[in-house]
Structure formats: structure tokens, C-alpha cells
Protein backbone atom coordinates (compact mmCIF):
# COMPACT_ATOMS: atom_id res chain seq x y z
CA MET A 1 -20.11 -10.07 -22.30
CA GLU A 2 -16.53 -9.21 -23.09
CA HIS A 3 -16.97 -5.94 -24.96
CA ILE A 4 -19.82 -3.73 -26.15
CA ARG A 5 -19.81 -0.74 -28.47
CA THR A 6 -22.70 1.49 -29.46
CA ARG A 7 -23.33 4.12 -32.09
CA VAL A 8 -26.29 6.43 -31.63
CA ASP A 9 -27.93 8.15 -34.60
CA LEU A 10 -31.03 10.35 -34.56
CA ASP A 11 -33.47 7.46 -34.69
CA ARG A 12 -31.46 4.35 -33.84
CA CYS A 13 -28.74 2.89 -31.69
CA ARG A 14 -26.46 0.30 -33.25
CA ILE A 15 -24.86 -2.22 -30.91
CA ALA A 16 -21.86 -4.43 -31.54
CA ALA A 17 -20.75 -6.85 -28.87
CA ALA A 18 -18.19 -9.54 -28.24
CA ILE A 19 -19.84 -12.25 -26.18
CA ILE A 20 -18.23 -15.43 -24.93
CA ALA A 21 -20.61 -18.30 -25.69
CA ASP A 22 -20.52 -21.88 -26.94
CA THR A 23 -21.93 -21.00 -30.37
CA PRO A 24 -22.60 -17.88 -32.46
CA ASP A 25 -26.34 -18.52 -32.08
CA ALA A 26 -25.99 -18.62 -28.29
CA ALA A 27 -24.03 -15.35 -28.36
CA ALA A 28 -26.74 -13.69 -30.47
CA ALA A 29 -29.47 -14.97 -28.14
CA ASN A 30 -27.60 -13.65 -25.09
CA LEU A 31 -27.19 -10.19 -26.64
CA ARG A 32 -30.84 -10.14 -27.70
CA SER A 33 -31.85 -11.02 -24.13
CA VAL A 34 -29.74 -8.19 -22.68
CA CYS A 35 -31.19 -5.69 -25.15
CA GLU A 36 -34.78 -6.79 -24.54
CA ARG A 37 -34.29 -6.54 -20.79
CA ALA A 38 -32.88 -3.03 -21.14
CA LEU A 39 -35.83 -1.97 -23.32
CA GLN A 40 -38.26 -3.27 -20.68
CA GLN A 41 -36.56 -1.83 -17.61
CA VAL A 42 -34.86 1.44 -18.59
CA PRO A 43 -37.31 4.36 -18.65
CA ALA A 44 -35.12 6.36 -21.07
CA LEU A 45 -35.59 3.59 -23.66
CA ARG A 46 -39.40 3.65 -23.62
CA GLY A 47 -40.72 3.71 -27.16
CA TRP A 48 -37.60 2.04 -28.57
CA SER A 49 -37.77 -1.41 -30.13
CA LEU A 50 -35.31 -4.10 -31.11
CA SER A 51 -34.66 -4.64 -34.82
CA LEU A 52 -32.30 -7.46 -35.76
CA THR A 53 -30.39 -6.88 -38.96
């Protein structure tokens, strides 16, 4: 991951990231993996879910 930026609203957190990968699909999969891992392991994120838009 080269850069990550977040914006937190009352009911959501938007994430934008620059990821070095071979393809755009691989970059998206890597970011999704990082986010899913955070949701599983960070107690402060309990109850949050990942929504891809």
C-alpha cells in the first residue's frame, strides 16, 4: 500500500487507497483483504461491515 486516506461520517467510513499491484483488480482485492482483516481483528470496528461501491 502506497497511500491511504479515510473520511469518517456518522455511519460510514470511506477509504481511498493507492496500492501497487499488477492489475486494478488485484489492487482492489488487496484493499478488500486489508479492510476485511481489520473488521475481523479490531474491536473498535465490531458491528461495521464492508460495502463496495
